[in-house]
Amino acid sequence: MKSRQCHAQAGFTLLELMLSMSLSALLLGMLSAGVYAVVNEWQRDTSVLDETLDRNLSILQIERALTGAFPHSYVDQERLARFLYFRGTDSELKWVSTVSPQRQGGLTAWHLRSVSGEGVYLGLVPAFADDPEERFAAADTTLLLPGYEARFTYLWQESLDQKTWVDEWVGEERQSLPIAVHVLLVPEAQDRDDLMELVVPIKAWRNEDIEPVNPGNSALGGGT
């Protein structure tokens, strides 16, 4: 009789089983919450890393395209003159480059435009022997740098001994490219301090083959 009583007392009671299950459920819940927090943190860090990589790649493309700026010229049939294509303001820039993000042959016309409250947009069209403005007007643009404001200035060889930064460049009037382009990318959010800055020298800033604008000149030849 005593042996049976000892064997019965060796098992778990219902209360002990309920306590054990409750503790197991609590531990599993704490473990799940910890794993969820770790996964969320990892996803957040991965998202920040991807955003940083995309931004740095975009800036690298802009730098390479400006370095490869080409003195693209075209003939204006109405004014009977040849002009150089490079148009820049403090918030917008259009130029022709030997660099193409698709790594295709030929020249590519680039268009960077800063839109307040949205970011910096990029437009790309092929550069033929004409003015690419009409193709830019019909082309789609891509939001390249969301949340940033772009500011452009241009280095001008004012004289043999003096260089000046200006906030506008009209290739039709100057008949040359700027010596360099200064690009300032300012984050629009007040809590961000990741301001970025580029000073890009342009190798082909002077084109000696382009004649001065002369409306009476009939020997105009072809395009670029």
C-alpha atoms as a PDB file:
ATOM      1  CA  MET A   1       0.000   0.000   0.000  1.00  0.00           C
ATOM      2  CA  LYS A   2       2.792   2.446   0.806  1.00  0.00           C
ATOM      3  CA  SER A   3       4.533   1.776  -2.521  1.00  0.00           C
ATOM      4  CA  ARG A   4       1.422   2.664  -4.486  1.00  0.00           C
ATOM      5  CA  GLN A   5       1.028   5.936  -2.562  1.00  0.00           C
ATOM      6  CA  CYS A   6       4.658   6.899  -3.236  1.00  0.00           C
ATOM      7  CA  HIS A   7       4.275   6.133  -6.942  1.00  0.00           C
ATOM      8  CA  ALA A   8       1.127   8.285  -7.153  1.00  0.00           C
ATOM      9  CA  GLN A   9       2.842  11.211  -5.419  1.00  0.00           C
ATOM     10  CA  ALA A  10       5.754  11.117  -7.900  1.00  0.00           C
ATOM     11  CA  GLY A  11       3.601  12.540 -10.777  1.00  0.00           C
ATOM     12  CA  PHE A  12       2.719  16.229 -11.512  1.00  0.00           C
ATOM     13  CA  THR A  13      -0.410  17.738 -10.144  1.00  0.00           C
ATOM     14  CA  LEU A  14      -2.817  19.725 -12.337  1.00  0.00           C
ATOM     15  CA  LEU A  15      -1.675  22.984 -10.731  1.00  0.00           C
ATOM     16  CA  GLU A  16       1.948  22.212 -11.456  1.00  0.00           C
ATOM     17  CA  LEU A  17       1.157  21.437 -15.091  1.00  0.00           C
ATOM     18  CA  MET A  18      -0.773  24.719 -15.469  1.00  0.00           C
ATOM     19  CA  LEU A  19       2.095  26.682 -13.920  1.00  0.00           C
ATOM     20  CA  SER A  20       4.596  24.946 -16.191  1.00  0.00           C
ATOM     21  CA  MET A  21       2.518  25.697 -19.302  1.00  0.00           C
ATOM     22  CA  SER A  22       2.073  29.314 -18.233  1.00  0.00           C
ATOM     23  CA  LEU A  23       5.806  29.782 -17.736  1.00  0.00           C
ATOM     24  CA  SER A  24       6.524  28.149 -21.108  1.00  0.00           C
ATOM     25  CA  ALA A  25       4.027  30.417 -22.842  1.00  0.00           C
ATOM     26  CA  LEU A  26       5.562  33.461 -21.125  1.00  0.00           C
ATOM     27  CA  LEU A  27       9.070  32.473 -22.194  1.00  0.00           C
ATOM     28  CA  LEU A  28       7.938  31.840 -25.770  1.00  0.00           C
ATOM     29  CA  GLY A  29       6.223  35.217 -25.846  1.00  0.00           C
ATOM     30  CA  MET A  30       9.338  36.977 -24.585  1.00  0.00           C
ATOM     31  CA  LEU A  31      11.464  35.096 -27.106  1.00  0.00           C
ATOM     32  CA  SER A  32       9.091  35.975 -29.957  1.00  0.00           C
ATOM     33  CA  ALA A  33       9.088  39.648 -28.974  1.00  0.00           C
ATOM     34  CA  GLY A  34      12.889  39.664 -28.898  1.00  0.00           C
ATOM     35  CA  VAL A  35      13.168  37.999 -32.309  1.00  0.00           C
ATOM     36  CA  TYR A  36      10.578  40.436 -33.730  1.00  0.00           C
ATOM     37  CA  ALA A  37      12.556  43.413 -32.414  1.00  0.00           C
ATOM     38  CA  VAL A  38      15.809  42.045 -33.853  1.00  0.00           C
ATOM     39  CA  VAL A  39      14.196  41.421 -37.250  1.00  0.00           C
ATOM     40  CA  ASN A  40      12.683  44.905 -37.318  1.00  0.00           C
ATOM     41  CA  GLU A  41      16.031  46.466 -36.414  1.00  0.00           C
ATOM     42  CA  TRP A  42      17.792  44.447 -39.083  1.00  0.00           C
ATOM     43  CA  GLN A  43      15.218  45.469 -41.701  1.00  0.00           C
ATOM     44  CA  ARG A  44      15.555  49.121 -40.686  1.00  0.00           C
ATOM     45  CA  ASP A  45      19.342  48.998 -40.900  1.00  0.00           C
ATOM     46  CA  THR A  46      19.141  47.221 -44.259  1.00  0.00           C
ATOM     47  CA  SER A  47      16.722  49.842 -45.579  1.00  0.00           C
ATOM     48  CA  VAL A  48      19.041  52.666 -44.478  1.00  0.00           C
ATOM     49  CA  LEU A  49      21.992  50.891 -46.095  1.00  0.00           C
ATOM     50  CA  ASP A  50      20.096  50.408 -49.368  1.00  0.00           C
ATOM     51  CA  GLU A  51      19.056  54.076 -49.363  1.00  0.00           C
ATOM     52  CA  THR A  52      22.644  55.171 -48.751  1.00  0.00           C
ATOM     53  CA  LEU A  53      23.973  52.939 -51.526  1.00  0.00           C
ATOM     54  CA  ASP A  54      21.348  54.204 -53.993  1.00  0.00           C
ATOM     55  CA  ARG A  55      22.133  57.818 -53.105  1.00  0.00           C
ATOM     56  CA  ASN A  56      25.884  57.340 -53.443  1.00  0.00           C
ATOM     57  CA  LEU A  57      25.426  55.569 -56.780  1.00  0.00           C
ATOM     58  CA  SER A  58      23.267  58.436 -58.059  1.00  0.00           C
ATOM     59  CA  ILE A  59      25.857  61.019 -57.001  1.00  0.00           C
ATOM     60  CA  LEU A  60      28.600  59.000 -58.676  1.00  0.00           C
ATOM     61  CA  GLN A  61      26.585  58.930 -61.924  1.00  0.00           C
ATOM     62  CA  ILE A  62      26.099  62.704 -61.801  1.00  0.00           C
ATOM     63  CA  GLU A  63      29.800  63.257 -61.193  1.00  0.00           C
ATOM     64  CA  ARG A  64      30.848  60.982 -64.062  1.00  0.00           C
ATOM     65  CA  ALA A  65      28.311  62.542 -66.441  1.00  0.00           C
ATOM     66  CA  LEU A  66      29.520  66.067 -65.660  1.00  0.00           C
ATOM     67  CA  THR A  67      33.157  65.047 -65.994  1.00  0.00           C
ATOM     68  CA  GLY A  68      32.312  63.682 -69.433  1.00  0.00           C
ATOM     69  CA  ALA A  69      30.393  66.804 -70.516  1.00  0.00           C
ATOM     70  CA  PHE A  70      30.719  67.255 -74.274  1.00  0.00           C
ATOM     71  CA  PRO A  71      30.645  70.563 -76.223  1.00  0.00           C
ATOM     72  CA  HIS A  72      27.621  69.529 -78.260  1.00  0.00           C
ATOM     73  CA  SER A  73      26.730  72.094 -80.913  1.00  0.00           C
ATOM     74  CA  TYR A  74      23.695  72.396 -83.143  1.00  0.00           C
ATOM     75  CA  VAL A  75      22.514  74.629 -85.955  1.00  0.00           C
ATOM     76  CA  ASP A  76      19.562  76.944 -85.398  1.00  0.00           C
ATOM     77  CA  GLN A  77      17.957  77.242 -88.826  1.00  0.00           C
ATOM     78  CA  GLU A  78      15.896  80.293 -87.855  1.00  0.00           C
ATOM     79  CA  ARG A  79      18.863  82.309 -86.616  1.00  0.00           C
ATOM     80  CA  LEU A  80      21.276  80.738 -89.137  1.00  0.00           C
ATOM     81  CA  ALA A  81      23.977  80.157 -86.547  1.00  0.00           C
ATOM     82  CA  ARG A  82      25.655  77.373 -84.633  1.00  0.00           C
ATOM     83  CA  PHE A  83      25.197  77.251 -80.847  1.00  0.00           C
ATOM     84  CA  LEU A  84      26.649  75.274 -77.980  1.00  0.00           C
ATOM     85  CA  TYR A  85      24.218  73.319 -75.804  1.00  0.00           C
ATOM     86  CA  PHE A  86      24.697  73.774 -72.063  1.00  0.00           C
ATOM     87  CA  ARG A  87      21.949  75.409 -70.007  1.00  0.00           C
ATOM     88  CA  GLY A  88      22.184  75.864 -66.274  1.00  0.00           C
ATOM     89  CA  THR A  89      20.442  77.856 -63.563  1.00  0.00           C
ATOM     90  CA  ASP A  90      20.728  77.658 -59.790  1.00  0.00           C
ATOM     91  CA  SER A  91      18.122  74.837 -59.661  1.00  0.00           C
ATOM     92  CA  GLU A  92      18.244  73.188 -63.104  1.00  0.00           C
ATOM     93  CA  LEU A  93      20.967  71.873 -65.386  1.00  0.00           C
ATOM     94  CA  LYS A  94      20.970  70.465 -68.935  1.00  0.00           C
ATOM     95  CA  TRP A  95      24.029  69.212 -70.766  1.00  0.00           C
ATOM     96  CA  VAL A  96      25.306  66.581 -73.188  1.00  0.00           C
ATOM     97  CA  SER A  97      27.721  63.924 -71.968  1.00  0.00           C
ATOM     98  CA  THR A  98      29.739  61.047 -73.338  1.00  0.00           C
ATOM     99  CA  VAL A  99      28.529  59.063 -70.296  1.00  0.00           C
ATOM    100  CA  SER A 100      25.332  57.039 -70.480  1.00  0.00           C
ATOM    101  CA  PRO A 101      23.880  55.126 -67.485  1.00  0.00           C
ATOM    102  CA  GLN A 102      22.783  52.374 -69.897  1.00  0.00           C
ATOM    103  CA  ARG A 103      26.365  52.122 -71.224  1.00  0.00           C
ATOM    104  CA  GLN A 104      25.110  52.642 -74.753  1.00  0.00           C
ATOM    105  CA  GLY A 105      27.138  54.191 -77.521  1.00  0.00           C
ATOM    106  CA  GLY A 106      26.690  57.786 -78.613  1.00  0.00           C
ATOM    107  CA  LEU A 107      26.028  60.943 -76.654  1.00  0.00           C
ATOM    108  CA  THR A 108      23.347  61.362 -73.990  1.00  0.00           C
ATOM    109  CA  ALA A 109      21.602  64.575 -72.944  1.00  0.00           C
ATOM    110  CA  TRP A 110      21.130  64.898 -69.169  1.00  0.00           C
ATOM    111  CA  HIS A 111      18.583  67.012 -67.327  1.00  0.00           C
ATOM    112  CA  LEU A 112      18.703  67.588 -63.554  1.00  0.00           C
ATOM    113  CA  ARG A 113      15.857  69.557 -62.001  1.00  0.00           C
ATOM    114  CA  SER A 114      15.280  70.390 -58.337  1.00  0.00           C
ATOM    115  CA  VAL A 115      11.636  70.483 -57.210  1.00  0.00           C
ATOM    116  CA  SER A 116      10.956  71.909 -53.756  1.00  0.00           C
ATOM    117  CA  GLY A 117       9.260  69.444 -51.425  1.00  0.00           C
ATOM    118  CA  GLU A 118       9.934  66.467 -53.698  1.00  0.00           C
ATOM    119  CA  GLY A 119      13.586  66.094 -54.641  1.00  0.00           C
ATOM    120  CA  VAL A 120      15.924  66.060 -57.627  1.00  0.00           C
ATOM    121  CA  TYR A 121      14.590  64.636 -60.897  1.00  0.00           C
ATOM    122  CA  LEU A 122      16.629  63.192 -63.750  1.00  0.00           C
ATOM    123  CA  GLY A 123      15.726  63.104 -67.431  1.00  0.00           C
ATOM    124  CA  LEU A 124      17.730  61.356 -70.154  1.00  0.00           C
ATOM    125  CA  VAL A 125      17.353  61.560 -73.935  1.00  0.00           C
ATOM    126  CA  PRO A 126      19.678  60.720 -76.839  1.00  0.00           C
ATOM    127  CA  ALA A 127      21.712  63.613 -78.193  1.00  0.00           C
ATOM    128  CA  PHE A 128      21.470  63.938 -81.960  1.00  0.00           C
ATOM    129  CA  ALA A 129      22.795  66.739 -84.173  1.00  0.00           C
ATOM    130  CA  ASP A 130      20.130  69.175 -82.966  1.00  0.00           C
ATOM    131  CA  ASP A 131      18.750  70.936 -79.918  1.00  0.00           C
ATOM    132  CA  PRO A 132      17.461  68.227 -77.502  1.00  0.00           C
ATOM    133  CA  GLU A 133      14.931  70.539 -75.808  1.00  0.00           C
ATOM    134  CA  GLU A 134      11.892  69.054 -77.608  1.00  0.00           C
ATOM    135  CA  ARG A 135      12.881  65.519 -76.604  1.00  0.00           C
ATOM    136  CA  PHE A 136      13.312  66.625 -73.003  1.00  0.00           C
ATOM    137  CA  ALA A 137       9.799  68.072 -73.029  1.00  0.00           C
ATOM    138  CA  ALA A 138       8.343  64.737 -74.157  1.00  0.00           C
ATOM    139  CA  ALA A 139      10.530  62.452 -72.006  1.00  0.00           C
ATOM    140  CA  ASP A 140       9.693  60.987 -68.609  1.00  0.00           C
ATOM    141  CA  THR A 141      11.753  61.921 -65.574  1.00  0.00           C
ATOM    142  CA  THR A 142      12.847  59.852 -62.581  1.00  0.00           C
ATOM    143  CA  LEU A 143      12.995  60.990 -58.971  1.00  0.00           C
ATOM    144  CA  LEU A 144      16.709  60.430 -58.473  1.00  0.00           C
ATOM    145  CA  LEU A 145      17.293  61.969 -55.029  1.00  0.00           C
ATOM    146  CA  PRO A 146      14.063  62.220 -53.006  1.00  0.00           C
ATOM    147  CA  GLY A 147      14.048  64.685 -50.137  1.00  0.00           C
ATOM    148  CA  TYR A 148      16.955  66.769 -51.465  1.00  0.00           C
ATOM    149  CA  GLU A 149      17.262  70.235 -52.953  1.00  0.00           C
ATOM    150  CA  ALA A 150      19.958  70.807 -55.588  1.00  0.00           C
ATOM    151  CA  ARG A 151      21.806  74.084 -56.075  1.00  0.00           C
ATOM    152  CA  PHE A 152      24.147  74.603 -59.015  1.00  0.00           C
ATOM    153  CA  THR A 153      26.875  77.164 -59.652  1.00  0.00           C
ATOM    154  CA  TYR A 154      29.330  77.376 -62.552  1.00  0.00           C
ATOM    155  CA  LEU A 155      32.971  78.402 -62.728  1.00  0.00           C
ATOM    156  CA  TRP A 156      33.633  81.019 -65.405  1.00  0.00           C
ATOM    157  CA  GLN A 157      37.007  82.098 -66.765  1.00  0.00           C
ATOM    158  CA  GLU A 158      36.264  85.805 -66.593  1.00  0.00           C
ATOM    159  CA  SER A 159      39.782  86.803 -67.621  1.00  0.00           C
ATOM    160  CA  LEU A 160      43.226  85.241 -67.875  1.00  0.00           C
ATOM    161  CA  ASP A 161      43.831  85.847 -64.186  1.00  0.00           C
ATOM    162  CA  GLN A 162      40.345  85.706 -62.737  1.00  0.00           C
ATOM    163  CA  LYS A 163      37.737  82.976 -62.316  1.00  0.00           C
ATOM    164  CA  THR A 164      34.238  83.587 -60.973  1.00  0.00           C
ATOM    165  CA  TRP A 165      31.395  81.366 -59.791  1.00  0.00           C
ATOM    166  CA  VAL A 166      28.078  82.299 -61.423  1.00  0.00           C
ATOM    167  CA  ASP A 167      24.581  80.932 -60.842  1.00  0.00           C
ATOM    168  CA  GLU A 168      23.574  80.772 -64.526  1.00  0.00           C
ATOM    169  CA  TRP A 169      25.190  79.414 -67.663  1.00  0.00           C
ATOM    170  CA  VAL A 170      23.789  79.776 -71.170  1.00  0.00           C
ATOM    171  CA  GLY A 171      25.933  77.939 -73.689  1.00  0.00           C
ATOM    172  CA  GLU A 172      24.311  79.796 -76.585  1.00  0.00           C
ATOM    173  CA  GLU A 173      25.771  83.042 -75.271  1.00  0.00           C
ATOM    174  CA  ARG A 174      29.116  81.946 -73.842  1.00  0.00           C
ATOM    175  CA  GLN A 175      29.901  79.386 -76.586  1.00  0.00           C
ATOM    176  CA  SER A 176      31.815  77.271 -74.096  1.00  0.00           C
ATOM    177  CA  LEU A 177      31.260  74.975 -71.165  1.00  0.00           C
ATOM    178  CA  PRO A 178      32.021  76.079 -67.608  1.00  0.00           C
ATOM    179  CA  ILE A 179      35.404  75.125 -66.193  1.00  0.00           C
ATOM    180  CA  ALA A 180      33.669  73.303 -63.343  1.00  0.00           C
ATOM    181  CA  VAL A 181      30.233  72.769 -61.833  1.00  0.00           C
ATOM    182  CA  HIS A 182      29.525  73.031 -58.118  1.00  0.00           C
ATOM    183  CA  VAL A 183      26.610  70.838 -56.993  1.00  0.00           C
ATOM    184  CA  LEU A 184      25.223  71.294 -53.483  1.00  0.00           C
ATOM    185  CA  LEU A 185      22.636  68.728 -52.339  1.00  0.00           C
ATOM    186  CA  VAL A 186      20.776  69.894 -49.236  1.00  0.00           C
ATOM    187  CA  PRO A 187      18.346  67.609 -47.359  1.00  0.00           C
ATOM    188  CA  GLU A 188      14.975  69.313 -46.969  1.00  0.00           C
ATOM    189  CA  ALA A 189      14.159  67.608 -43.647  1.00  0.00           C
ATOM    190  CA  GLN A 190      15.316  69.664 -40.667  1.00  0.00           C
ATOM    191  CA  ASP A 191      16.462  66.602 -38.696  1.00  0.00           C
ATOM    192  CA  ARG A 192      18.901  65.426 -41.399  1.00  0.00           C
ATOM    193  CA  ASP A 193      22.491  66.598 -41.609  1.00  0.00           C
ATOM    194  CA  ASP A 194      23.697  64.529 -44.592  1.00  0.00           C
ATOM    195  CA  LEU A 195      24.480  67.496 -46.830  1.00  0.00           C
ATOM    196  CA  MET A 196      26.469  66.503 -49.923  1.00  0.00           C
ATOM    197  CA  GLU A 197      28.708  68.589 -52.148  1.00  0.00           C
ATOM    198  CA  LEU A 198      30.429  68.035 -55.485  1.00  0.00           C
ATOM    199  CA  VAL A 199      32.910  70.182 -57.386  1.00  0.00           C
ATOM    200  CA  VAL A 200      33.276  68.570 -60.796  1.00  0.00           C
ATOM    201  CA  PRO A 201      35.882  69.848 -63.288  1.00  0.00           C
ATOM    202  CA  ILE A 202      34.853  69.664 -66.940  1.00  0.00           C
ATOM    203  CA  LYS A 203      37.668  68.495 -69.173  1.00  0.00           C
ATOM    204  CA  ALA A 204      36.223  69.698 -72.497  1.00  0.00           C
ATOM    205  CA  TRP A 205      35.193  73.111 -71.190  1.00  0.00           C
ATOM    206  CA  ARG A 206      36.531  74.965 -74.209  1.00  0.00           C
ATOM    207  CA  ASN A 207      35.758  74.047 -77.824  1.00  0.00           C
ATOM    208  CA  GLU A 208      38.021  75.924 -80.199  1.00  0.00           C
ATOM    209  CA  ASP A 209      36.193  74.612 -83.294  1.00  0.00           C
ATOM    210  CA  ILE A 210      32.927  76.454 -82.616  1.00  0.00           C
ATOM    211  CA  GLU A 211      32.824  79.785 -84.358  1.00  0.00           C
ATOM    212  CA  PRO A 212      31.303  82.856 -82.695  1.00  0.00           C
ATOM    213  CA  VAL A 213      27.619  83.469 -83.293  1.00  0.00           C
ATOM    214  CA  ASN A 214      27.126  85.272 -86.570  1.00  0.00           C
ATOM    215  CA  PRO A 215      23.587  85.479 -87.988  1.00  0.00           C
ATOM    216  CA  GLY A 216      24.975  86.326 -91.385  1.00  0.00           C
ATOM    217  CA  ASN A 217      27.224  83.290 -91.557  1.00  0.00           C
ATOM    218  CA  SER A 218      25.900  80.775 -94.112  1.00  0.00           C
ATOM    219  CA  ALA A 219      28.741  78.243 -93.830  1.00  0.00           C
ATOM    220  CA  LEU A 220      27.295  76.402 -90.878  1.00  0.00           C
ATOM    221  CA  GLY A 221      27.980  72.767 -91.620  1.00  0.00           C
ATOM    222  CA  GLY A 222      26.474  69.892 -89.651  1.00  0.00           C
ATOM    223  CA  GLY A 223      25.724  69.275 -85.990  1.00  0.00           C
ATOM    224  CA  THR A 224      27.965  68.030 -83.197  1.00  0.00           C
END
